[in-house]
All heavy atoms as atom14 arrays in JSON, in Angstrom:
{
  "sequence": "KYHESFCQDLSAEEGLVMGLTQKAPLASTFGDTITA",
  "atom14_mask": [
    [1, 1, 1, 1, 1, 1, 1, 1, 1, 0, 0, 0, 0, 0],
    [1, 1, 1, 1, 1, 1, 1, 1, 1, 1, 1, 1, 0, 0],
    [1, 1, 1, 1, 1, 1, 1, 1, 1, 1, 0, 0, 0, 0],
    [1, 1, 1, 1, 1, 1, 1, 1, 1, 0, 0, 0, 0, 0],
    [1, 1, 1, 1, 1, 1, 0, 0, 0, 0, 0, 0, 0, 0],
    [1, 1, 1, 1, 1, 1, 1, 1, 1, 1, 1, 0, 0, 0],
    [1, 1, 1, 1, 1, 1, 0, 0, 0, 0, 0, 0, 0, 0],
    [1, 1, 1, 1, 1, 1, 1, 1, 1, 0, 0, 0, 0, 0],
    [1, 1, 1, 1, 1, 1, 1, 1, 0, 0, 0, 0, 0, 0],
    [1, 1, 1, 1, 1, 1, 1, 1, 0, 0, 0, 0, 0, 0],
    [1, 1, 1, 1, 1, 1, 0, 0, 0, 0, 0, 0, 0, 0],
    [1, 1, 1, 1, 1, 0, 0, 0, 0, 0, 0, 0, 0, 0],
    [1, 1, 1, 1, 1, 1, 1, 1, 1, 0, 0, 0, 0, 0],
    [1, 1, 1, 1, 1, 1, 1, 1, 1, 0, 0, 0, 0, 0],
    [1, 1, 1, 1, 0, 0, 0, 0, 0, 0, 0, 0, 0, 0],
    [1, 1, 1, 1, 1, 1, 1, 1, 0, 0, 0, 0, 0, 0],
    [1, 1, 1, 1, 1, 1, 1, 0, 0, 0, 0, 0, 0, 0],
    [1, 1, 1, 1, 1, 1, 1, 1, 0, 0, 0, 0, 0, 0],
    [1, 1, 1, 1, 0, 0, 0, 0, 0, 0, 0, 0, 0, 0],
    [1, 1, 1, 1, 1, 1, 1, 1, 0, 0, 0, 0, 0, 0],
    [1, 1, 1, 1, 1, 1, 1, 0, 0, 0, 0, 0, 0, 0],
    [1, 1, 1, 1, 1, 1, 1, 1, 1, 0, 0, 0, 0, 0],
    [1, 1, 1, 1, 1, 1, 1, 1, 1, 0, 0, 0, 0, 0],
    [1, 1, 1, 1, 1, 0, 0, 0, 0, 0, 0, 0, 0, 0],
    [1, 1, 1, 1, 1, 1, 1, 0, 0, 0, 0, 0, 0, 0],
    [1, 1, 1, 1, 1, 1, 1, 1, 0, 0, 0, 0, 0, 0],
    [1, 1, 1, 1, 1, 0, 0, 0, 0, 0, 0, 0, 0, 0],
    [1, 1, 1, 1, 1, 1, 0, 0, 0, 0, 0, 0, 0, 0],
    [1, 1, 1, 1, 1, 1, 1, 0, 0, 0, 0, 0, 0, 0],
    [1, 1, 1, 1, 1, 1, 1, 1, 1, 1, 1, 0, 0, 0],
    [1, 1, 1, 1, 0, 0, 0, 0, 0, 0, 0, 0, 0, 0],
    [1, 1, 1, 1, 1, 1, 1, 1, 0, 0, 0, 0, 0, 0],
    [1, 1, 1, 1, 1, 1, 1, 0, 0, 0, 0, 0, 0, 0],
    [1, 1, 1, 1, 1, 1, 1, 1, 0, 0, 0, 0, 0, 0],
    [1, 1, 1, 1, 1, 1, 1, 0, 0, 0, 0, 0, 0, 0],
    [1, 1, 1, 1, 1, 0, 0, 0, 0, 0, 0, 0, 0, 0]
  ],
  "atom14_positions": [
    [[-46.55, -7.01, 1.88], [-47.49, -6.3, 1.01], [-48.18, -7.25, 0.07], [-48.97, -6.77, -0.75], [-46.8, -5.18, 0.3], [-46.03, -4.17, 1.18], [-47.03, -3.21, 1.77], [-46.33, -2.0, 2.38], [-47.28, -1.05, 2.99], [0.0, 0.0, 0.0], [0.0, 0.0, 0.0], [0.0, 0.0, 0.0], [0.0, 0.0, 0.0], [0.0, 0.0, 0.0]],
    [[-47.86, -8.51, 0.07], [-48.3, -9.46, -0.91], [-49.88, -9.54, -0.91], [-50.51, -9.53, -1.93], [-47.68, -10.84, -0.75], [-47.85, -11.78, -1.9], [-46.78, -12.0, -2.84], [-49.04, -12.48, -2.12], [-46.96, -12.82, -3.91], [-49.13, -13.38, -3.18], [-48.11, -13.56, -4.06], [-48.22, -14.45, -5.09], [0.0, 0.0, 0.0], [0.0, 0.0, 0.0]],
    [[-50.39, -9.72, 0.28], [-51.85, -9.85, 0.46], [-52.58, -8.68, -0.19], [-53.5, -8.91, -1.0], [-52.23, -10.03, 1.93], [-53.68, -10.14, 2.17], [-54.4, -9.29, 2.97], [-54.59, -10.98, 1.61], [-55.67, -9.67, 2.97], [-55.85, -10.69, 2.18], [0.0, 0.0, 0.0], [0.0, 0.0, 0.0], [0.0, 0.0, 0.0], [0.0, 0.0, 0.0]],
    [[-52.26, -7.43, 0.16], [-52.98, -6.27, -0.34], [-52.7, -6.05, -1.84], [-53.54, -5.44, -2.56], [-52.59, -5.05, 0.43], [-51.14, -4.6, 0.24], [-50.81, -3.34, 1.09], [-50.73, -3.47, 2.27], [-50.54, -2.3, 0.46], [0.0, 0.0, 0.0], [0.0, 0.0, 0.0], [0.0, 0.0, 0.0], [0.0, 0.0, 0.0], [0.0, 0.0, 0.0]],
    [[-51.59, -6.64, -2.34], [-51.21, -6.36, -3.77], [-51.76, -7.38, -4.69], [-52.23, -7.04, -5.74], [-49.64, -6.38, -3.88], [-49.03, -5.47, -3.0], [0.0, 0.0, 0.0], [0.0, 0.0, 0.0], [0.0, 0.0, 0.0], [0.0, 0.0, 0.0], [0.0, 0.0, 0.0], [0.0, 0.0, 0.0], [0.0, 0.0, 0.0], [0.0, 0.0, 0.0]],
    [[-51.64, -8.62, -4.27], [-51.89, -9.79, -5.22], [-53.25, -10.48, -4.97], [-53.85, -11.01, -5.92], [-50.76, -10.76, -5.03], [-50.51, -11.72, -6.12], [-49.52, -11.54, -7.11], [-51.28, -12.92, -6.24], [-49.27, -12.42, -8.09], [-51.02, -13.83, -7.21], [-50.05, -13.59, -8.19], [0.0, 0.0, 0.0], [0.0, 0.0, 0.0], [0.0, 0.0, 0.0]],
    [[-53.65, -10.58, -3.7], [-54.8, -11.47, -3.41], [-55.56, -10.96, -2.25], [-55.87, -11.66, -1.3], [-54.19, -12.92, -3.12], [-52.98, -12.9, -1.78], [0.0, 0.0, 0.0], [0.0, 0.0, 0.0], [0.0, 0.0, 0.0], [0.0, 0.0, 0.0], [0.0, 0.0, 0.0], [0.0, 0.0, 0.0], [0.0, 0.0, 0.0], [0.0, 0.0, 0.0]],
    [[-56.01, -9.71, -2.35], [-56.77, -9.08, -1.29], [-58.1, -9.71, -1.0], [-58.74, -9.5, 0.07], [-56.92, -7.57, -1.53], [-57.93, -7.13, -2.62], [-57.34, -7.14, -3.99], [-56.29, -7.67, -4.26], [-58.04, -6.48, -4.94], [0.0, 0.0, 0.0], [0.0, 0.0, 0.0], [0.0, 0.0, 0.0], [0.0, 0.0, 0.0], [0.0, 0.0, 0.0]],
    [[-58.58, -10.54, -1.86], [-59.86, -11.22, -1.63], [-59.69, -12.65, -1.03], [-60.63, -13.36, -0.94], [-60.74, -11.32, -2.92], [-59.98, -11.84, -4.11], [-58.75, -12.12, -4.02], [-60.6, -11.88, -5.23], [0.0, 0.0, 0.0], [0.0, 0.0, 0.0], [0.0, 0.0, 0.0], [0.0, 0.0, 0.0], [0.0, 0.0, 0.0], [0.0, 0.0, 0.0]],
    [[-58.44, -12.94, -0.62], [-58.21, -14.13, 0.14], [-57.94, -13.67, 1.61], [-57.88, -12.48, 1.87], [-56.99, -14.9, -0.39], [-57.03, -15.46, -1.81], [-55.73, -16.13, -2.16], [-58.22, -16.44, -1.91], [0.0, 0.0, 0.0], [0.0, 0.0, 0.0], [0.0, 0.0, 0.0], [0.0, 0.0, 0.0], [0.0, 0.0, 0.0], [0.0, 0.0, 0.0]],
    [[-57.84, -14.65, 2.55], [-57.61, -14.21, 3.91], [-56.17, -13.69, 4.06], [-55.29, -14.02, 3.23], [-57.74, -15.48, 4.87], [-56.71, -16.38, 4.64], [0.0, 0.0, 0.0], [0.0, 0.0, 0.0], [0.0, 0.0, 0.0], [0.0, 0.0, 0.0], [0.0, 0.0, 0.0], [0.0, 0.0, 0.0], [0.0, 0.0, 0.0], [0.0, 0.0, 0.0]],
    [[-55.9, -12.89, 5.07], [-54.59, -12.31, 5.35], [-53.62, -13.43, 5.55], [-52.42, -13.28, 5.1], [-54.68, -11.42, 6.51], [0.0, 0.0, 0.0], [0.0, 0.0, 0.0], [0.0, 0.0, 0.0], [0.0, 0.0, 0.0], [0.0, 0.0, 0.0], [0.0, 0.0, 0.0], [0.0, 0.0, 0.0], [0.0, 0.0, 0.0], [0.0, 0.0, 0.0]],
    [[-54.02, -14.53, 6.19], [-53.14, -15.66, 6.43], [-52.67, -16.29, 5.12], [-51.51, -16.54, 4.89], [-53.82, -16.66, 7.34], [-52.94, -17.74, 7.86], [-53.67, -18.59, 8.88], [-54.66, -19.26, 8.51], [-53.22, -18.65, 10.1], [0.0, 0.0, 0.0], [0.0, 0.0, 0.0], [0.0, 0.0, 0.0], [0.0, 0.0, 0.0], [0.0, 0.0, 0.0]],
    [[-53.7, -16.54, 4.18], [-53.35, -17.1, 2.92], [-52.41, -16.19, 2.12], [-51.45, -16.61, 1.47], [-54.62, -17.36, 2.11], [-55.48, -18.49, 2.54], [-56.75, -18.59, 1.75], [-57.58, -17.65, 1.87], [-56.92, -19.58, 0.94], [0.0, 0.0, 0.0], [0.0, 0.0, 0.0], [0.0, 0.0, 0.0], [0.0, 0.0, 0.0], [0.0, 0.0, 0.0]],
    [[-52.66, -14.88, 2.26], [-51.88, -13.93, 1.53], [-50.45, -13.94, 1.98], [-49.52, -13.78, 1.2], [0.0, 0.0, 0.0], [0.0, 0.0, 0.0], [0.0, 0.0, 0.0], [0.0, 0.0, 0.0], [0.0, 0.0, 0.0], [0.0, 0.0, 0.0], [0.0, 0.0, 0.0], [0.0, 0.0, 0.0], [0.0, 0.0, 0.0], [0.0, 0.0, 0.0]],
    [[-50.24, -14.03, 3.34], [-48.9, -14.02, 3.88], [-48.14, -15.32, 3.43], [-46.94, -15.24, 3.11], [-48.95, -13.95, 5.38], [-47.61, -13.94, 6.11], [-46.72, -12.77, 5.61], [-47.77, -13.89, 7.6], [0.0, 0.0, 0.0], [0.0, 0.0, 0.0], [0.0, 0.0, 0.0], [0.0, 0.0, 0.0], [0.0, 0.0, 0.0], [0.0, 0.0, 0.0]],
    [[-48.84, -16.48, 3.46], [-48.2, -17.72, 3.03], [-47.8, -17.58, 1.56], [-46.65, -17.93, 1.18], [-49.14, -18.87, 3.22], [-48.58, -20.16, 2.55], [-49.31, -19.18, 4.71], [0.0, 0.0, 0.0], [0.0, 0.0, 0.0], [0.0, 0.0, 0.0], [0.0, 0.0, 0.0], [0.0, 0.0, 0.0], [0.0, 0.0, 0.0], [0.0, 0.0, 0.0]],
    [[-48.67, -17.08, 0.7], [-48.33, -16.9, -0.7], [-47.2, -15.95, -0.91], [-46.3, -16.16, -1.75], [-49.59, -16.39, -1.47], [-50.66, -17.48, -1.63], [-52.17, -16.85, -2.37], [-51.72, -16.69, -4.14], [0.0, 0.0, 0.0], [0.0, 0.0, 0.0], [0.0, 0.0, 0.0], [0.0, 0.0, 0.0], [0.0, 0.0, 0.0], [0.0, 0.0, 0.0]],
    [[-47.15, -14.92, -0.05], [-46.04, -13.94, -0.15], [-44.72, -14.53, 0.27], [-43.67, -14.23, -0.37], [0.0, 0.0, 0.0], [0.0, 0.0, 0.0], [0.0, 0.0, 0.0], [0.0, 0.0, 0.0], [0.0, 0.0, 0.0], [0.0, 0.0, 0.0], [0.0, 0.0, 0.0], [0.0, 0.0, 0.0], [0.0, 0.0, 0.0], [0.0, 0.0, 0.0]],
    [[-44.76, -15.41, 1.27], [-43.48, -16.0, 1.79], [-43.06, -17.11, 0.86], [-41.83, -17.47, 0.81], [-43.69, -16.57, 3.18], [-43.95, -15.55, 4.29], [-44.33, -16.22, 5.57], [-42.69, -14.67, 4.42], [0.0, 0.0, 0.0], [0.0, 0.0, 0.0], [0.0, 0.0, 0.0], [0.0, 0.0, 0.0], [0.0, 0.0, 0.0], [0.0, 0.0, 0.0]],
    [[-43.91, -17.73, 0.08], [-43.52, -18.85, -0.84], [-43.52, -18.38, -2.29], [-43.39, -19.25, -3.22], [-44.52, -20.03, -0.7], [-45.86, -19.54, -1.01], [-44.51, -20.52, 0.75], [0.0, 0.0, 0.0], [0.0, 0.0, 0.0], [0.0, 0.0, 0.0], [0.0, 0.0, 0.0], [0.0, 0.0, 0.0], [0.0, 0.0, 0.0], [0.0, 0.0, 0.0]],
    [[-43.55, -17.06, -2.52], [-43.6, -16.62, -3.91], [-42.37, -17.0, -4.7], [-41.26, -17.2, -4.18], [-43.75, -15.05, -3.95], [-42.52, -14.26, -3.43], [-42.74, -12.85, -3.46], [-42.67, -12.18, -4.49], [-42.94, -12.29, -2.26], [0.0, 0.0, 0.0], [0.0, 0.0, 0.0], [0.0, 0.0, 0.0], [0.0, 0.0, 0.0], [0.0, 0.0, 0.0]],
    [[-42.53, -17.1, -6.02], [-41.44, -17.4, -6.9], [-41.07, -16.14, -7.75], [-41.87, -15.73, -8.6], [-41.8, -18.54, -7.84], [-40.66, -19.02, -8.71], [-41.07, -20.29, -9.51], [-39.95, -20.79, -10.34], [-40.26, -22.07, -11.06], [0.0, 0.0, 0.0], [0.0, 0.0, 0.0], [0.0, 0.0, 0.0], [0.0, 0.0, 0.0], [0.0, 0.0, 0.0]],
    [[-40.02, -15.49, -7.4], [-39.67, -14.2, -8.02], [-39.02, -14.44, -9.39], [-38.23, -15.32, -9.56], [-38.71, -13.47, -7.11], [0.0, 0.0, 0.0], [0.0, 0.0, 0.0], [0.0, 0.0, 0.0], [0.0, 0.0, 0.0], [0.0, 0.0, 0.0], [0.0, 0.0, 0.0], [0.0, 0.0, 0.0], [0.0, 0.0, 0.0], [0.0, 0.0, 0.0]],
    [[-39.39, -13.62, -10.35], [-38.74, -13.68, -11.68], [-37.49, -12.84, -11.71], [-37.31, -11.93, -10.91], [-39.81, -13.02, -12.59], [-40.48, -11.98, -11.68], [-40.44, -12.56, -10.29], [0.0, 0.0, 0.0], [0.0, 0.0, 0.0], [0.0, 0.0, 0.0], [0.0, 0.0, 0.0], [0.0, 0.0, 0.0], [0.0, 0.0, 0.0], [0.0, 0.0, 0.0]],
    [[-36.61, -13.13, -12.68], [-35.59, -12.14, -12.99], [-36.27, -10.89, -13.57], [-37.16, -11.02, -14.43], [-34.64, -12.78, -14.01], [-33.55, -13.74, -13.46], [-32.75, -14.24, -14.66], [-32.61, -13.0, -12.53], [0.0, 0.0, 0.0], [0.0, 0.0, 0.0], [0.0, 0.0, 0.0], [0.0, 0.0, 0.0], [0.0, 0.0, 0.0], [0.0, 0.0, 0.0]],
    [[-35.96, -9.75, -13.01], [-36.58, -8.51, -13.43], [-36.53, -8.3, -14.92], [-37.46, -7.67, -15.57], [-36.03, -7.33, -12.63], [0.0, 0.0, 0.0], [0.0, 0.0, 0.0], [0.0, 0.0, 0.0], [0.0, 0.0, 0.0], [0.0, 0.0, 0.0], [0.0, 0.0, 0.0], [0.0, 0.0, 0.0], [0.0, 0.0, 0.0], [0.0, 0.0, 0.0]],
    [[-35.42, -8.74, -15.56], [-35.25, -8.52, -16.97], [-36.34, -9.22, -17.84], [-36.61, -8.79, -18.94], [-33.86, -8.98, -17.41], [-33.71, -10.39, -17.09], [0.0, 0.0, 0.0], [0.0, 0.0, 0.0], [0.0, 0.0, 0.0], [0.0, 0.0, 0.0], [0.0, 0.0, 0.0], [0.0, 0.0, 0.0], [0.0, 0.0, 0.0], [0.0, 0.0, 0.0]],
    [[-36.94, -10.2, -17.3], [-38.02, -10.97, -18.06], [-39.15, -9.96, -18.38], [-39.84, -10.21, -19.43], [-38.54, -12.12, -17.16], [-37.4, -12.89, -16.78], [-39.4, -12.96, -17.96], [0.0, 0.0, 0.0], [0.0, 0.0, 0.0], [0.0, 0.0, 0.0], [0.0, 0.0, 0.0], [0.0, 0.0, 0.0], [0.0, 0.0, 0.0], [0.0, 0.0, 0.0]],
    [[-39.38, -8.96, -17.51], [-40.46, -7.99, -17.77], [-40.29, -7.32, -19.12], [-41.32, -6.9, -19.81], [-40.45, -6.92, -16.7], [-41.56, -7.05, -15.74], [-41.36, -7.23, -14.41], [-42.88, -6.85, -16.17], [-42.42, -7.31, -13.5], [-43.95, -6.87, -15.28], [-43.67, -7.11, -13.95], [0.0, 0.0, 0.0], [0.0, 0.0, 0.0], [0.0, 0.0, 0.0]],
    [[-39.06, -7.14, -19.58], [-38.83, -6.44, -20.83], [-38.76, -7.29, -22.09], [-38.62, -6.76, -23.19], [0.0, 0.0, 0.0], [0.0, 0.0, 0.0], [0.0, 0.0, 0.0], [0.0, 0.0, 0.0], [0.0, 0.0, 0.0], [0.0, 0.0, 0.0], [0.0, 0.0, 0.0], [0.0, 0.0, 0.0], [0.0, 0.0, 0.0], [0.0, 0.0, 0.0]],
    [[-38.93, -8.62, -21.93], [-38.84, -9.52, -23.08], [-40.09, -9.41, -23.95], [-41.22, -9.38, -23.44], [-38.68, -11.02, -22.6], [-37.37, -11.3, -21.98], [-36.44, -10.43, -22.06], [-37.22, -12.33, -21.28], [0.0, 0.0, 0.0], [0.0, 0.0, 0.0], [0.0, 0.0, 0.0], [0.0, 0.0, 0.0], [0.0, 0.0, 0.0], [0.0, 0.0, 0.0]],
    [[-39.86, -9.31, -25.28], [-40.99, -8.97, -26.22], [-41.43, -10.21, -26.95], [-40.68, -11.17, -27.18], [-40.54, -7.87, -27.26], [-39.34, -8.37, -27.91], [-40.28, -6.61, -26.52], [0.0, 0.0, 0.0], [0.0, 0.0, 0.0], [0.0, 0.0, 0.0], [0.0, 0.0, 0.0], [0.0, 0.0, 0.0], [0.0, 0.0, 0.0], [0.0, 0.0, 0.0]],
    [[-42.71, -10.18, -27.31], [-43.35, -11.22, -28.17], [-42.88, -11.05, -29.54], [-42.76, -9.97, -30.05], [-44.87, -11.11, -28.05], [-45.35, -11.37, -26.58], [-45.54, -12.04, -29.03], [-45.12, -12.75, -26.02], [0.0, 0.0, 0.0], [0.0, 0.0, 0.0], [0.0, 0.0, 0.0], [0.0, 0.0, 0.0], [0.0, 0.0, 0.0], [0.0, 0.0, 0.0]],
    [[-42.69, -12.2, -30.24], [-42.35, -12.15, -31.7], [-43.6, -12.4, -32.55], [-43.98, -11.48, -33.26], [-41.24, -13.22, -32.0], [-41.65, -14.52, -31.52], [-39.94, -12.84, -31.31], [0.0, 0.0, 0.0], [0.0, 0.0, 0.0], [0.0, 0.0, 0.0], [0.0, 0.0, 0.0], [0.0, 0.0, 0.0], [0.0, 0.0, 0.0], [0.0, 0.0, 0.0]],
    [[-44.16, -13.54, -32.42], [-45.37, -13.88, -33.22], [-46.53, -14.33, -32.28], [-46.55, -15.44, -31.73], [-45.09, -14.96, -34.25], [0.0, 0.0, 0.0], [0.0, 0.0, 0.0], [0.0, 0.0, 0.0], [0.0, 0.0, 0.0], [0.0, 0.0, 0.0], [0.0, 0.0, 0.0], [0.0, 0.0, 0.0], [0.0, 0.0, 0.0], [0.0, 0.0, 0.0]]
  ]
}
């Protein structure tokens, strides 16, 4: 689903490569807040 989600204006092939080589974050990082 990476191509349609992240980079639908690139080729489907590029999207698949980006999806297979993606660097996943720890989900908890999403909740980290800014201080200043």
